[in-house]
Amino acid sequence: QQKFGERIGVKGNTIAQYELGRNEP
């Protein structure tokens, strides 16, 4: 999640929130 986020300029925990369905990109 960290590396994925770094590639697009967002934090790893933001990616985690997207994957959990808590937030929508």
PDB file of all heavy atoms in Angstrom:
ATOM      1  N   GLN A   1       0.847  -1.200   0.000  1.00  0.00           N
ATOM      2  CA  GLN A   1       0.000   0.000   0.000  1.00  0.00           C
ATOM      3  C   GLN A   1       0.876   1.241   0.000  1.00  0.00           C
ATOM      4  O   GLN A   1       0.585   2.218  -0.686  1.00  0.00           O
ATOM      5  CB  GLN A   1      -0.937  -0.003   1.214  1.00  0.00           C
ATOM      6  CG  GLN A   1      -2.009  -1.064   1.109  1.00  0.00           C
ATOM      7  CD  GLN A   1      -2.853  -1.176   2.366  1.00  0.00           C
ATOM      8  OE1 GLN A   1      -2.439  -0.800   3.455  1.00  0.00           O
ATOM      9  NE2 GLN A   1      -4.040  -1.726   2.214  1.00  0.00           N
ATOM     10  N   GLN A   2       1.976   1.182   0.744  1.00  0.00           N
ATOM     11  CA  GLN A   2       2.908   2.312   0.826  1.00  0.00           C
ATOM     12  C   GLN A   2       3.502   2.628  -0.543  1.00  0.00           C
ATOM     13  O   GLN A   2       3.507   3.776  -0.990  1.00  0.00           O
ATOM     14  CB  GLN A   2       4.015   1.973   1.837  1.00  0.00           C
ATOM     15  CG  GLN A   2       4.945   3.116   2.140  1.00  0.00           C
ATOM     16  CD  GLN A   2       4.272   4.229   2.932  1.00  0.00           C
ATOM     17  OE1 GLN A   2       3.429   3.965   3.777  1.00  0.00           O
ATOM     18  NE2 GLN A   2       4.610   5.460   2.646  1.00  0.00           N
ATOM     19  N   LYS A   3       4.042   1.604  -1.214  1.00  0.00           N
ATOM     20  CA  LYS A   3       4.690   1.804  -2.519  1.00  0.00           C
ATOM     21  C   LYS A   3       3.681   2.248  -3.573  1.00  0.00           C
ATOM     22  O   LYS A   3       3.974   3.108  -4.407  1.00  0.00           O
ATOM     23  CB  LYS A   3       5.386   0.513  -2.984  1.00  0.00           C
ATOM     24  CG  LYS A   3       6.582   0.139  -2.144  1.00  0.00           C
ATOM     25  CD  LYS A   3       7.733   1.071  -2.395  1.00  0.00           C
ATOM     26  CE  LYS A   3       8.960   0.684  -1.601  1.00  0.00           C
ATOM     27  NZ  LYS A   3       9.950   1.737  -1.536  1.00  0.00           N
ATOM     28  N   PHE A   4       2.490   1.662  -3.546  1.00  0.00           N
ATOM     29  CA  PHE A   4       1.433   2.048  -4.483  1.00  0.00           C
ATOM     30  C   PHE A   4       1.104   3.526  -4.298  1.00  0.00           C
ATOM     31  O   PHE A   4       1.041   4.294  -5.253  1.00  0.00           O
ATOM     32  CB  PHE A   4       0.187   1.180  -4.244  1.00  0.00           C
ATOM     33  CG  PHE A   4      -0.901   1.350  -5.255  1.00  0.00           C
ATOM     34  CD1 PHE A   4      -0.957   0.533  -6.369  1.00  0.00           C
ATOM     35  CD2 PHE A   4      -1.896   2.312  -5.086  1.00  0.00           C
ATOM     36  CE1 PHE A   4      -1.985   0.672  -7.306  1.00  0.00           C
ATOM     37  CE2 PHE A   4      -2.908   2.465  -6.012  1.00  0.00           C
ATOM     38  CZ  PHE A   4      -2.948   1.637  -7.129  1.00  0.00           C
ATOM     39  N   GLY A   5       0.929   3.928  -3.036  1.00  0.00           N
ATOM     40  CA  GLY A   5       0.626   5.320  -2.722  1.00  0.00           C
ATOM     41  C   GLY A   5       1.721   6.272  -3.154  1.00  0.00           C
ATOM     42  O   GLY A   5       1.446   7.338  -3.711  1.00  0.00           O
ATOM     43  N   GLU A   6       2.976   5.888  -2.899  1.00  0.00           N
ATOM     44  CA  GLU A   6       4.109   6.742  -3.278  1.00  0.00           C
ATOM     45  C   GLU A   6       4.118   7.022  -4.778  1.00  0.00           C
ATOM     46  O   GLU A   6       4.425   8.142  -5.204  1.00  0.00           O
ATOM     47  CB  GLU A   6       5.433   6.078  -2.882  1.00  0.00           C
ATOM     48  CG  GLU A   6       5.739   6.156  -1.415  1.00  0.00           C
ATOM     49  CD  GLU A   6       6.969   5.353  -1.025  1.00  0.00           C
ATOM     50  OE1 GLU A   6       7.687   4.848  -1.920  1.00  0.00           O
ATOM     51  OE2 GLU A   6       7.209   5.221   0.191  1.00  0.00           O
ATOM     52  N   ARG A   7       3.769   6.016  -5.568  1.00  0.00           N
ATOM     53  CA  ARG A   7       3.796   6.173  -7.031  1.00  0.00           C
ATOM     54  C   ARG A   7       2.778   7.197  -7.521  1.00  0.00           C
ATOM     55  O   ARG A   7       2.964   7.810  -8.559  1.00  0.00           O
ATOM     56  CB  ARG A   7       3.526   4.824  -7.720  1.00  0.00           C
ATOM     57  CG  ARG A   7       4.591   3.773  -7.465  1.00  0.00           C
ATOM     58  CD  ARG A   7       5.607   3.586  -8.569  1.00  0.00           C
ATOM     59  NE  ARG A   7       5.117   3.379  -9.895  1.00  0.00           N
ATOM     60  CZ  ARG A   7       5.020   2.210 -10.506  1.00  0.00           C
ATOM     61  NH1 ARG A   7       5.389   1.098  -9.876  1.00  0.00           N
ATOM     62  NH2 ARG A   7       4.585   2.129 -11.742  1.00  0.00           N
ATOM     63  N   ILE A   8       1.691   7.370  -6.758  1.00  0.00           N
ATOM     64  CA  ILE A   8       0.662   8.337  -7.185  1.00  0.00           C
ATOM     65  C   ILE A   8       0.574   9.551  -6.262  1.00  0.00           C
ATOM     66  O   ILE A   8      -0.302  10.402  -6.428  1.00  0.00           O
ATOM     67  CB  ILE A   8      -0.726   7.678  -7.329  1.00  0.00           C
ATOM     68  CG1 ILE A   8      -1.188   7.052  -6.008  1.00  0.00           C
ATOM     69  CG2 ILE A   8      -0.718   6.651  -8.464  1.00  0.00           C
ATOM     70  CD1 ILE A   8      -2.638   6.641  -5.992  1.00  0.00           C
ATOM     71  N   GLY A   9       1.478   9.626  -5.279  1.00  0.00           N
ATOM     72  CA  GLY A   9       1.550  10.805  -4.429  1.00  0.00           C
ATOM     73  C   GLY A   9       0.541  10.871  -3.301  1.00  0.00           C
ATOM     74  O   GLY A   9       0.160  11.959  -2.861  1.00  0.00           O
ATOM     75  N   VAL A  10       0.103   9.707  -2.813  1.00  0.00           N
ATOM     76  CA  VAL A  10      -0.768   9.684  -1.623  1.00  0.00           C
ATOM     77  C   VAL A  10      -0.155   8.751  -0.591  1.00  0.00           C
ATOM     78  O   VAL A  10       0.699   7.931  -0.907  1.00  0.00           O
ATOM     79  CB  VAL A  10      -2.224   9.251  -1.948  1.00  0.00           C
ATOM     80  CG1 VAL A  10      -2.876  10.194  -2.933  1.00  0.00           C
ATOM     81  CG2 VAL A  10      -2.290   7.827  -2.435  1.00  0.00           C
ATOM     82  N   LYS A  11      -0.597   8.872   0.655  1.00  0.00           N
ATOM     83  CA  LYS A  11      -0.045   8.061   1.734  1.00  0.00           C
ATOM     84  C   LYS A  11      -0.574   6.620   1.661  1.00  0.00           C
ATOM     85  O   LYS A  11      -1.667   6.372   1.162  1.00  0.00           O
ATOM     86  CB  LYS A  11      -0.421   8.666   3.082  1.00  0.00           C
ATOM     87  CG  LYS A  11       0.244   9.999   3.362  1.00  0.00           C
ATOM     88  CD  LYS A  11      -0.100  10.437   4.762  1.00  0.00           C
ATOM     89  CE  LYS A  11       0.421  11.746   5.218  1.00  0.00           C
ATOM     90  NZ  LYS A  11       1.435  12.446   4.566  1.00  0.00           N
ATOM     91  N   GLY A  12       0.221   5.711   2.193  1.00  0.00           N
ATOM     92  CA  GLY A  12      -0.178   4.301   2.226  1.00  0.00           C
ATOM     93  C   GLY A  12      -1.471   4.075   2.973  1.00  0.00           C
ATOM     94  O   GLY A  12      -2.291   3.249   2.573  1.00  0.00           O
ATOM     95  N   ASN A  13      -1.673   4.830   4.075  1.00  0.00           N
ATOM     96  CA  ASN A  13      -2.912   4.629   4.830  1.00  0.00           C
ATOM     97  C   ASN A  13      -4.133   5.137   4.059  1.00  0.00           C
ATOM     98  O   ASN A  13      -5.248   4.668   4.286  1.00  0.00           O
ATOM     99  CB  ASN A  13      -2.840   5.231   6.236  1.00  0.00           C
ATOM    100  CG  ASN A  13      -2.682   6.719   6.250  1.00  0.00           C
ATOM    101  OD1 ASN A  13      -2.252   7.313   5.267  1.00  0.00           O
ATOM    102  ND2 ASN A  13      -3.021   7.342   7.367  1.00  0.00           N
ATOM    103  N   THR A  14      -3.929   6.047   3.125  1.00  0.00           N
ATOM    104  CA  THR A  14      -5.026   6.497   2.259  1.00  0.00           C
ATOM    105  C   THR A  14      -5.437   5.344   1.339  1.00  0.00           C
ATOM    106  O   THR A  14      -6.635   5.097   1.148  1.00  0.00           O
ATOM    107  CB  THR A  14      -4.605   7.720   1.423  1.00  0.00           C
ATOM    108  OG1 THR A  14      -4.194   8.764   2.299  1.00  0.00           O
ATOM    109  CG2 THR A  14      -5.734   8.204   0.530  1.00  0.00           C
ATOM    110  N   ILE A  15      -4.448   4.637   0.803  1.00  0.00           N
ATOM    111  CA  ILE A  15      -4.732   3.468  -0.034  1.00  0.00           C
ATOM    112  C   ILE A  15      -5.484   2.423   0.789  1.00  0.00           C
ATOM    113  O   ILE A  15      -6.450   1.816   0.315  1.00  0.00           O
ATOM    114  CB  ILE A  15      -3.426   2.867  -0.612  1.00  0.00           C
ATOM    115  CG1 ILE A  15      -2.665   3.892  -1.463  1.00  0.00           C
ATOM    116  CG2 ILE A  15      -3.720   1.597  -1.408  1.00  0.00           C
ATOM    117  CD1 ILE A  15      -3.422   4.431  -2.657  1.00  0.00           C
ATOM    118  N   ALA A  16      -5.068   2.233   2.030  1.00  0.00           N
ATOM    119  CA  ALA A  16      -5.748   1.282   2.923  1.00  0.00           C
ATOM    120  C   ALA A  16      -7.217   1.666   3.096  1.00  0.00           C
ATOM    121  O   ALA A  16      -8.098   0.794   3.050  1.00  0.00           O
ATOM    122  CB  ALA A  16      -5.044   1.233   4.277  1.00  0.00           C
ATOM    123  N   GLN A  17      -7.486   2.953   3.278  1.00  0.00           N
ATOM    124  CA  GLN A  17      -8.869   3.420   3.441  1.00  0.00           C
ATOM    125  C   GLN A  17      -9.690   3.149   2.176  1.00  0.00           C
ATOM    126  O   GLN A  17     -10.864   2.764   2.257  1.00  0.00           O
ATOM    127  CB  GLN A  17      -8.904   4.918   3.772  1.00  0.00           C
ATOM    128  CG  GLN A  17      -8.263   5.290   5.084  1.00  0.00           C
ATOM    129  CD  GLN A  17      -8.934   4.636   6.270  1.00  0.00           C
ATOM    130  OE1 GLN A  17     -10.151   4.642   6.390  1.00  0.00           O
ATOM    131  NE2 GLN A  17      -8.142   4.047   7.145  1.00  0.00           N
ATOM    132  N   TYR A  18      -9.075   3.347   1.009  1.00  0.00           N
ATOM    133  CA  TYR A  18      -9.758   3.048  -0.260  1.00  0.00           C
ATOM    134  C   TYR A  18     -10.079   1.560  -0.346  1.00  0.00           C
ATOM    135  O   TYR A  18     -11.186   1.171  -0.710  1.00  0.00           O
ATOM    136  CB  TYR A  18      -8.893   3.421  -1.470  1.00  0.00           C
ATOM    137  CG  TYR A  18      -8.606   4.895  -1.659  1.00  0.00           C
ATOM    138  CD1 TYR A  18      -7.511   5.299  -2.405  1.00  0.00           C
ATOM    139  CD2 TYR A  18      -9.421   5.886  -1.121  1.00  0.00           C
ATOM    140  CE1 TYR A  18      -7.223   6.638  -2.615  1.00  0.00           C
ATOM    141  CE2 TYR A  18      -9.141   7.231  -1.308  1.00  0.00           C
ATOM    142  CZ  TYR A  18      -8.043   7.603  -2.062  1.00  0.00           C
ATOM    143  OH  TYR A  18      -7.772   8.929  -2.260  1.00  0.00           O
ATOM    144  N   GLU A  19      -9.093   0.724  -0.013  1.00  0.00           N
ATOM    145  CA  GLU A  19      -9.275  -0.725  -0.135  1.00  0.00           C
ATOM    146  C   GLU A  19     -10.305  -1.259   0.849  1.00  0.00           C
ATOM    147  O   GLU A  19     -10.990  -2.239   0.554  1.00  0.00           O
ATOM    148  CB  GLU A  19      -7.941  -1.443   0.056  1.00  0.00           C
ATOM    149  CG  GLU A  19      -6.999  -1.241  -1.111  1.00  0.00           C
ATOM    150  CD  GLU A  19      -5.688  -2.007  -0.975  1.00  0.00           C
ATOM    151  OE1 GLU A  19      -5.518  -2.756   0.010  1.00  0.00           O
ATOM    152  OE2 GLU A  19      -4.838  -1.851  -1.868  1.00  0.00           O
ATOM    153  N   LEU A  20     -10.412  -0.628   2.002  1.00  0.00           N
ATOM    154  CA  LEU A  20     -11.416  -1.037   2.991  1.00  0.00           C
ATOM    155  C   LEU A  20     -12.807  -0.514   2.650  1.00  0.00           C
ATOM    156  O   LEU A  20     -13.792  -0.915   3.261  1.00  0.00           O
ATOM    157  CB  LEU A  20     -11.011  -0.548   4.386  1.00  0.00           C
ATOM    158  CG  LEU A  20      -9.795  -1.241   4.999  1.00  0.00           C
ATOM    159  CD1 LEU A  20      -9.325  -0.490   6.238  1.00  0.00           C
ATOM    160  CD2 LEU A  20     -10.115  -2.685   5.336  1.00  0.00           C
ATOM    161  N   GLY A  21     -12.883   0.392   1.679  1.00  0.00           N
ATOM    162  CA  GLY A  21     -14.169   0.952   1.287  1.00  0.00           C
ATOM    163  C   GLY A  21     -14.634   2.079   2.185  1.00  0.00           C
ATOM    164  O   GLY A  21     -15.774   2.511   2.099  1.00  0.00           O
ATOM    165  N   ARG A  22     -13.754   2.570   3.055  1.00  0.00           N
ATOM    166  CA  ARG A  22     -14.124   3.676   3.949  1.00  0.00           C
ATOM    167  C   ARG A  22     -14.149   5.001   3.212  1.00  0.00           C
ATOM    168  O   ARG A  22     -14.933   5.887   3.546  1.00  0.00           O
ATOM    169  CB  ARG A  22     -13.153   3.759   5.123  1.00  0.00           C
ATOM    170  CG  ARG A  22     -13.277   2.588   6.068  1.00  0.00           C
ATOM    171  CD  ARG A  22     -12.504   2.817   7.343  1.00  0.00           C
ATOM    172  NE  ARG A  22     -12.629   1.650   8.197  1.00  0.00           N
ATOM    173  CZ  ARG A  22     -11.636   1.136   8.889  1.00  0.00           C
ATOM    174  NH1 ARG A  22     -10.435   1.683   8.841  1.00  0.00           N
ATOM    175  NH2 ARG A  22     -11.820   0.094   9.639  1.00  0.00           N
ATOM    176  N   ASN A  23     -13.238   5.148   2.244  1.00  0.00           N
ATOM    177  CA  ASN A  23     -13.179   6.359   1.425  1.00  0.00           C
ATOM    178  C   ASN A  23     -13.203   5.959  -0.040  1.00  0.00           C
ATOM    179  O   ASN A  23     -12.756   4.878  -0.396  1.00  0.00           O
ATOM    180  CB  ASN A  23     -11.903   7.160   1.692  1.00  0.00           C
ATOM    181  CG  ASN A  23     -11.865   7.761   3.080  1.00  0.00           C
ATOM    182  OD1 ASN A  23     -12.899   7.983   3.691  1.00  0.00           O
ATOM    183  ND2 ASN A  23     -10.676   8.017   3.578  1.00  0.00           N
ATOM    184  N   GLU A  24     -13.704   6.856  -0.856  1.00  0.00           N
ATOM    185  CA  GLU A  24     -13.730   6.654  -2.309  1.00  0.00           C
ATOM    186  C   GLU A  24     -12.718   7.624  -2.922  1.00  0.00           C
ATOM    187  O   GLU A  24     -12.727   8.806  -2.603  1.00  0.00           O
ATOM    188  CB  GLU A  24     -15.142   6.976  -2.811  1.00  0.00           C
ATOM    189  CG  GLU A  24     -15.409   6.561  -4.227  1.00  0.00           C
ATOM    190  CD  GLU A  24     -15.816   5.106  -4.377  1.00  0.00           C
ATOM    191  OE1 GLU A  24     -15.912   4.374  -3.372  1.00  0.00           O
ATOM    192  OE2 GLU A  24     -16.021   4.714  -5.519  1.00  0.00           O
ATOM    193  N   PRO A  25     -11.829   7.125  -3.792  1.00  0.00           N
ATOM    194  CA  PRO A  25     -10.864   8.052  -4.405  1.00  0.00           C
ATOM    195  C   PRO A  25     -11.557   9.089  -5.283  1.00  0.00           C
ATOM    196  O   PRO A  25     -12.531   8.764  -5.967  1.00  0.00           O
ATOM    197  CB  PRO A  25      -9.958   7.144  -5.236  1.00  0.00           C
ATOM    198  CG  PRO A  25     -10.644   5.836  -5.332  1.00  0.00           C
ATOM    199  CD  PRO A  25     -11.646   5.758  -4.248  1.00  0.00           C
TER     200      PRO A  25
END
